[in-house]
C-alpha atoms as a PDB file:
ATOM      1  CA  MET A   1    -158.069 -96.992 101.179  1.00  0.00           C
ATOM      2  CA  LEU A   2    -159.677 -99.983  98.569  1.00  0.00           C
ATOM      3  CA  ILE A   3    -160.313 -97.284  95.862  1.00  0.00           C
ATOM      4  CA  ARG A   4    -156.689 -95.497  96.918  1.00  0.00           C
ATOM      5  CA  ASN A   5    -155.109 -98.848  96.052  1.00  0.00           C
ATOM      6  CA  MET A   6    -157.096 -99.389  92.849  1.00  0.00           C
ATOM      7  CA  PHE A   7    -156.360 -96.026  91.548  1.00  0.00           C
ATOM      8  CA  ARG A   8    -152.487 -96.332  92.465  1.00  0.00           C
ATOM      9  CA  ARG A   9    -152.624-100.000  90.785  1.00  0.00           C
ATOM     10  CA  PHE A  10    -154.145 -98.550  87.664  1.00  0.00           C
ATOM     11  CA  PHE A  11    -152.242 -95.626  87.424  1.00  0.00           C
ATOM     12  CA  LYS A  12    -148.934 -96.526  88.792  1.00  0.00           C
ATOM     13  CA  ARG A  13    -146.826 -96.728  85.250  1.00  0.00           C
ATOM     14  CA  ASP A  14    -147.745 -93.216  83.982  1.00  0.00           C
ATOM     15  CA  ILE A  15    -146.526 -91.548  88.038  1.00  0.00           C
ATOM     16  CA  GLN A  16    -143.784 -93.345  88.069  1.00  0.00           C
ATOM     17  CA  ASN A  17    -142.870 -92.526  84.422  1.00  0.00           C
ATOM     18  CA  ARG A  18    -143.557 -88.895  84.240  1.00  0.00           C
ATOM     19  CA  ILE A  19    -141.417 -86.043  85.261  1.00  0.00           C
ATOM     20  CA  SER A  20    -141.416 -82.524  87.075  1.00  0.00           C
ATOM     21  CA  LYS A  21    -142.565 -80.014  84.830  1.00  0.00           C
ATOM     22  CA  ILE A  22    -139.482 -78.638  85.799  1.00  0.00           C
ATOM     23  CA  ASP A  23    -137.228 -81.465  84.146  1.00  0.00           C
ATOM     24  CA  TYR A  24    -139.743 -81.182  81.006  1.00  0.00           C
ATOM     25  CA  TRP A  25    -138.689 -77.539  80.677  1.00  0.00           C
ATOM     26  CA  LYS A  26    -134.991 -78.142  81.270  1.00  0.00           C
ATOM     27  CA  GLN A  27    -135.696 -81.509  78.844  1.00  0.00           C
ATOM     28  CA  TRP A  28    -136.674 -79.091  75.944  1.00  0.00           C
ATOM     29  CA  GLU A  29    -134.349 -76.236  76.890  1.00  0.00           C
ATOM     30  CA  PHE A  30    -137.585 -73.680  77.323  1.00  0.00           C
ATOM     31  CA  PHE A  31    -135.711 -71.821  79.403  1.00  0.00           C
ATOM     32  CA  GLU A  32    -133.501 -70.801  76.838  1.00  0.00           C
ATOM     33  CA  LEU A  33    -135.616 -70.765  74.514  1.00  0.00           C
ATOM     34  CA  PHE A  34    -138.018 -67.888  76.350  1.00  0.00           C
ATOM     35  CA  ASP A  35    -134.496 -65.987  76.478  1.00  0.00           C
ATOM     36  CA  ASP A  36    -134.106 -66.076  73.172  1.00  0.00           C
ATOM     37  CA  LEU A  37    -137.900 -65.327  72.472  1.00  0.00           C
ATOM     38  CA  HIS A  38    -137.364 -62.338  74.552  1.00  0.00           C
ATOM     39  CA  LEU A  39    -134.010 -60.936  72.574  1.00  0.00           C
ATOM     40  CA  ALA A  40    -136.011 -61.346  69.635  1.00  0.00           C
ATOM     41  CA  GLU A  41    -139.181 -58.890  71.198  1.00  0.00           C
ATOM     42  CA  GLN A  42    -135.743 -57.038  72.203  1.00  0.00           C
ATOM     43  CA  LEU A  43    -134.625 -56.825  68.453  1.00  0.00           C
ATOM     44  CA  LEU A  44    -137.978 -56.126  66.873  1.00  0.00           C
ATOM     45  CA  ASN A  45    -138.542 -53.308  69.508  1.00  0.00           C
ATOM     46  CA  GLU A  46    -134.808 -51.519  68.586  1.00  0.00           C
ATOM     47  CA  ASN A  47    -135.499 -51.680  65.211  1.00  0.00           C
ATOM     48  CA  LYS A  48    -138.024 -48.858  64.480  1.00  0.00           C
ATOM     49  CA  LEU A  49    -136.653 -47.754  61.471  1.00  0.00           C
ATOM     50  CA  ASN A  50    -136.959 -51.471  59.390  1.00  0.00           C
ATOM     51  CA  PRO A  51    -138.655 -50.267  55.928  1.00  0.00           C
ATOM     52  CA  SER A  52    -139.411 -54.131  55.200  1.00  0.00           C
ATOM     53  CA  ILE A  53    -143.186 -54.698  54.007  1.00  0.00           C
ATOM     54  CA  GLY A  54    -144.849 -56.013  56.961  1.00  0.00           C
ATOM     55  CA  PHE A  55    -142.437 -55.752  59.778  1.00  0.00           C
ATOM     56  CA  GLU A  56    -144.702 -53.910  62.308  1.00  0.00           C
ATOM     57  CA  GLU A  57    -147.518 -56.133  61.624  1.00  0.00           C
ATOM     58  CA  PHE A  58    -145.414 -59.540  62.301  1.00  0.00           C
ATOM     59  CA  LYS A  59    -144.062 -57.351  65.290  1.00  0.00           C
ATOM     60  CA  GLY A  60    -147.265 -57.169  67.031  1.00  0.00           C
ATOM     61  CA  GLU A  61    -148.119 -60.501  65.999  1.00  0.00           C
ATOM     62  CA  PHE A  62    -144.848 -61.989  67.268  1.00  0.00           C
ATOM     63  CA  ILE A  63    -145.436 -59.816  70.662  1.00  0.00           C
ATOM     64  CA  GLU A  64    -148.679 -61.445  70.992  1.00  0.00           C
ATOM     65  CA  GLU A  65    -148.106 -65.123  70.368  1.00  0.00           C
ATOM     66  CA  LEU A  66    -145.209 -64.799  72.940  1.00  0.00           C
ATOM     67  CA  TYR A  67    -147.402 -63.444  75.508  1.00  0.00           C
ATOM     68  CA  GLU A  68    -149.877 -66.164  74.738  1.00  0.00           C
ATOM     69  CA  VAL A  69    -147.634 -69.109  74.714  1.00  0.00           C
ATOM     70  CA  GLU A  70    -146.035 -67.937  78.005  1.00  0.00           C
ATOM     71  CA  GLY A  71    -149.184 -67.749  79.759  1.00  0.00           C
ATOM     72  CA  ASP A  72    -150.402 -71.263  78.695  1.00  0.00           C
ATOM     73  CA  ASN A  73    -150.388 -74.171  80.638  1.00  0.00           C
ATOM     74  CA  VAL A  74    -149.854 -76.749  77.354  1.00  0.00           C
ATOM     75  CA  ILE A  75    -147.182 -74.993  75.784  1.00  0.00           C
ATOM     76  CA  ASP A  76    -147.572 -74.731  71.852  1.00  0.00           C
ATOM     77  CA  PHE A  77    -144.463 -73.434  69.961  1.00  0.00           C
ATOM     78  CA  THR A  78    -146.195 -74.374  66.318  1.00  0.00           C
ATOM     79  CA  ARG A  79    -146.678 -70.946  65.233  1.00  0.00           C
ATOM     80  CA  ILE A  80    -143.136 -69.413  66.293  1.00  0.00           C
ATOM     81  CA  TRP A  81    -141.929 -72.384  65.018  1.00  0.00           C
ATOM     82  CA  GLU A  82    -143.465 -72.033  61.402  1.00  0.00           C
ATOM     83  CA  TRP A  83    -141.992 -67.747  61.652  1.00  0.00           C
ATOM     84  CA  PHE A  84    -138.468 -69.627  62.589  1.00  0.00           C
ATOM     85  CA  ASN A  85    -138.076 -72.224  59.857  1.00  0.00           C
ATOM     86  CA  PRO A  86    -134.645 -70.698  57.625  1.00  0.00           C
ATOM     87  CA  ASN A  87    -135.769 -68.226  55.173  1.00  0.00           C
ATOM     88  CA  ASN A  88    -139.268 -67.679  56.321  1.00  0.00           C
ATOM     89  CA  LYS A  89    -140.881 -64.763  58.509  1.00  0.00           C
ATOM     90  CA  TRP A  90    -137.925 -63.977  60.813  1.00  0.00           C
ATOM     91  CA  ASP A  91    -135.366 -64.235  57.883  1.00  0.00           C
ATOM     92  CA  LEU A  92    -137.491 -62.427  55.328  1.00  0.00           C
ATOM     93  CA  ILE A  93    -138.724 -59.316  58.089  1.00  0.00           C
ATOM     94  CA  MET A  94    -134.941 -59.323  59.843  1.00  0.00           C
ATOM     95  CA  GLY A  95    -132.621 -59.941  57.132  1.00  0.00           C
ATOM     96  CA  ASN A  96    -129.185 -60.354  58.727  1.00  0.00           C
ATOM     97  CA  VAL A  97    -130.014 -59.064  61.920  1.00  0.00           C
ATOM     98  CA  GLY A  98    -130.522 -61.474  64.521  1.00  0.00           C
ATOM     99  CA  LYS A  99    -129.688 -64.569  61.925  1.00  0.00           C
ATOM    100  CA  ASP A 100    -128.004 -66.713  64.730  1.00  0.00           C
ATOM    101  CA  LEU A 101    -130.946 -65.719  67.223  1.00  0.00           C
ATOM    102  CA  GLY A 102    -133.436 -66.909  64.716  1.00  0.00           C
ATOM    103  CA  LEU A 103    -131.209 -70.343  64.120  1.00  0.00           C
ATOM    104  CA  ARG A 104    -131.420 -70.856  68.054  1.00  0.00           C
ATOM    105  CA  ILE A 105    -134.716 -70.650  68.003  1.00  0.00           C
ATOM    106  CA  PHE A 106    -135.851 -72.445  64.894  1.00  0.00           C
ATOM    107  CA  TYR A 107    -133.610 -75.630  66.662  1.00  0.00           C
ATOM    108  CA  ARG A 108    -135.501 -75.434  69.937  1.00  0.00           C
ATOM    109  CA  THR A 109    -138.687 -75.566  68.230  1.00  0.00           C
ATOM    110  CA  ASP A 110    -137.875 -77.821  65.805  1.00  0.00           C
ATOM    111  CA  ARG A 111    -136.723 -80.530  68.277  1.00  0.00           C
ATOM    112  CA  TRP A 112    -140.165 -79.720  70.250  1.00  0.00           C
ATOM    113  CA  LYS A 113    -142.399 -79.763  67.137  1.00  0.00           C
ATOM    114  CA  ARG A 114    -140.759 -83.218  66.079  1.00  0.00           C
ATOM    115  CA  ASN A 115    -141.634 -84.912  69.052  1.00  0.00           C
ATOM    116  CA  GLN A 116    -145.163 -84.070  69.138  1.00  0.00           C
ATOM    117  CA  GLU A 117    -146.387 -85.425  65.341  1.00  0.00           C
ATOM    118  CA  PHE A 118    -144.685 -86.959  62.430  1.00  0.00           C
ATOM    119  CA  LEU A 119    -143.153 -84.143  60.226  1.00  0.00           C
ATOM    120  CA  PRO A 120    -141.582 -85.240  56.792  1.00  0.00           C
ATOM    121  CA  GLU A 121    -138.204 -86.294  56.908  1.00  0.00           C
ATOM    122  CA  THR A 122    -137.420 -86.726  60.313  1.00  0.00           C
ATOM    123  CA  ILE A 123    -135.374 -89.418  61.494  1.00  0.00           C
ATOM    124  CA  VAL A 124    -136.513 -91.659  63.866  1.00  0.00           C
ATOM    125  CA  SER A 125    -135.784 -94.910  65.526  1.00  0.00           C
ATOM    126  CA  LEU A 126    -137.612 -97.659  66.644  1.00  0.00           C
ATOM    127  CA  ASN A 127    -136.347-101.457  68.105  1.00  0.00           C
ATOM    128  CA  ASN A 128    -132.754-100.487  67.281  1.00  0.00           C
ATOM    129  CA  GLU A 129    -133.349 -99.472  63.806  1.00  0.00           C
ATOM    130  CA  ILE A 130    -133.171 -95.813  62.277  1.00  0.00           C
ATOM    131  CA  GLY A 131    -136.002 -94.382  59.446  1.00  0.00           C
ATOM    132  CA  LEU A 132    -136.754 -91.485  58.020  1.00  0.00           C
ATOM    133  CA  VAL A 133    -140.487 -90.071  57.911  1.00  0.00           C
ATOM    134  CA  LEU A 134    -141.791 -89.535  54.524  1.00  0.00           C
ATOM    135  CA  LYS A 135    -143.451 -86.982  52.911  1.00  0.00           C
ATOM    136  CA  GLY A 136    -147.036 -87.227  52.142  1.00  0.00           C
ATOM    137  CA  ASN A 137    -148.218 -86.987  47.980  1.00  0.00           C
ATOM    138  CA  ASP A 138    -150.235 -83.973  49.448  1.00  0.00           C
ATOM    139  CA  ASP A 139    -151.029 -81.621  52.165  1.00  0.00           C
ATOM    140  CA  THR A 140    -154.191 -84.073  53.203  1.00  0.00           C
ATOM    141  CA  ASP A 141    -152.247 -87.282  53.458  1.00  0.00           C
ATOM    142  CA  ALA A 142    -151.526 -88.241  56.877  1.00  0.00           C
ATOM    143  CA  LEU A 143    -147.769 -88.346  57.857  1.00  0.00           C
ATOM    144  CA  GLY A 144    -146.281 -91.516  59.225  1.00  0.00           C
ATOM    145  CA  LEU A 145    -144.779 -93.961  56.763  1.00  0.00           C
ATOM    146  CA  ILE A 146    -141.480 -94.714  57.570  1.00  0.00           C
ATOM    147  CA  ARG A 147    -138.608 -95.777  55.478  1.00  0.00           C
ATOM    148  CA  TRP A 148    -136.268 -97.938  57.320  1.00  0.00           C
ATOM    149  CA  ASP A 149    -132.807 -97.494  56.834  1.00  0.00           C
ATOM    150  CA  THR A 150    -131.951-100.606  55.161  1.00  0.00           C
ATOM    151  CA  PRO A 151    -130.301-101.879  51.941  1.00  0.00           C
ATOM    152  CA  GLU A 152    -133.845-103.014  50.771  1.00  0.00           C
ATOM    153  CA  GLU A 153    -136.070-101.564  47.831  1.00  0.00           C
ATOM    154  CA  LYS A 154    -138.826-101.218  49.985  1.00  0.00           C
ATOM    155  CA  ASP A 155    -138.973-100.963  53.565  1.00  0.00           C
ATOM    156  CA  VAL A 156    -142.066 -99.179  55.180  1.00  0.00           C
ATOM    157  CA  GLU A 157    -144.022 -99.038  57.980  1.00  0.00           C
ATOM    158  CA  ASP A 158    -147.329 -97.207  58.323  1.00  0.00           C
ATOM    159  CA  TRP A 159    -147.651 -95.385  61.630  1.00  0.00           C
ATOM    160  CA  ARG A 160    -150.019 -92.962  60.176  1.00  0.00           C
ATOM    161  CA  GLY A 161    -152.453 -91.122  62.824  1.00  0.00           C
ATOM    162  CA  LEU A 162    -150.260 -93.475  65.474  1.00  0.00           C
ATOM    163  CA  PHE A 163    -147.499 -91.302  66.745  1.00  0.00           C
ATOM    164  CA  GLY A 164    -148.448 -91.514  70.381  1.00  0.00           C
ATOM    165  CA  SER A 165    -148.275 -95.603  70.214  1.00  0.00           C
ATOM    166  CA  PHE A 166    -145.156 -95.005  68.044  1.00  0.00           C
ATOM    167  CA  LEU A 167    -143.687 -93.218  71.358  1.00  0.00           C
ATOM    168  CA  GLN A 168    -144.843 -95.996  73.589  1.00  0.00           C
ATOM    169  CA  THR A 169    -143.671 -98.875  71.723  1.00  0.00           C
ATOM    170  CA  GLY A 170    -140.245 -97.402  72.355  1.00  0.00           C
ATOM    171  CA  GLY A 171    -140.100 -95.073  69.359  1.00  0.00           C
ATOM    172  CA  LYS A 172    -137.946 -91.668  69.428  1.00  0.00           C
ATOM    173  CA  VAL A 173    -137.239 -88.883  67.541  1.00  0.00           C
ATOM    174  CA  ILE A 174    -133.193 -88.681  67.350  1.00  0.00           C
ATOM    175  CA  GLU A 175    -130.749 -85.992  66.183  1.00  0.00           C
ATOM    176  CA  GLN A 176    -131.876 -84.743  62.839  1.00  0.00           C
ATOM    177  CA  ASP A 177    -127.925 -84.494  61.643  1.00  0.00           C
ATOM    178  CA  TYR A 178    -127.159 -88.518  61.912  1.00  0.00           C
ATOM    179  CA  LYS A 179    -126.185 -89.821  58.702  1.00  0.00           C
ATOM    180  CA  LEU A 180    -128.586 -91.957  56.905  1.00  0.00           C
ATOM    181  CA  LYS A 181    -126.375 -95.253  55.648  1.00  0.00           C
ATOM    182  CA  PHE A 182    -128.862 -96.650  52.551  1.00  0.00           C
ATOM    183  CA  ILE A 183    -131.087 -94.004  51.853  1.00  0.00           C
ATOM    184  CA  ASN A 184    -131.314 -90.209  51.253  1.00  0.00           C
ATOM    185  CA  ARG A 185    -133.070 -87.954  53.001  1.00  0.00           C
ATOM    186  CA  ASP A 186    -136.295 -88.070  50.488  1.00  0.00           C
ATOM    187  CA  GLY A 187    -136.155 -92.058  51.422  1.00  0.00           C
ATOM    188  CA  THR A 188    -134.893 -93.488  48.014  1.00  0.00           C
ATOM    189  CA  LEU A 189    -131.823 -95.982  48.215  1.00  0.00           C
ATOM    190  CA  LYS A 190    -128.764 -94.650  47.896  1.00  0.00           C
ATOM    191  CA  ASN A 191    -127.057 -95.093  44.719  1.00  0.00           C
ATOM    192  CA  HIS A 192    -123.808 -97.343  46.280  1.00  0.00           C
ATOM    193  CA  VAL A 193    -126.864 -99.734  47.366  1.00  0.00           C
ATOM    194  CA  HIS A 194    -128.175-100.414  43.689  1.00  0.00           C
ATOM    195  CA  ASP A 195    -124.644-101.030  42.746  1.00  0.00           C
ATOM    196  CA  SER A 196    -123.991-103.846  45.439  1.00  0.00           C
END
């Protein structure tokens, strides 16, 4: 009894904040995503005469990845996210066939991916402030410098390597079509701010 009470006291917050697997899947629209991924598989299987270079290789990799992800206990859509980025593998292989389907898959995987780690140009909020994750100088830079949407010339906060802590302190990834007031999508001040 004593051990159980200690356990409850230590982990009470975690247990209360957890959501069911079904609710998690609904939150990230995984049911719809898997429906769309299976539609993409069907399109690939029906498109037997596709002359594009790399079609058969992509088809094999895609189907293998789909069934691997579907069977995983902890889902990682990174590879699918990369393939369905606009003008990437899916678009190059399929052209206009399945373009809307590809955009739906990208939208859902992009939303998921941006909530797993800091990605450049992701719009975030913390303590009622809106900010933008800046691009690193090169591929080795850890991401997490956030440029806050203020009229200040330099208003950057360093969260590199601290994505989990950012979320725990109330940070959120918000809708990516949010219109920034003072800064551009590259983190520079908008011209009208300089003129004021």
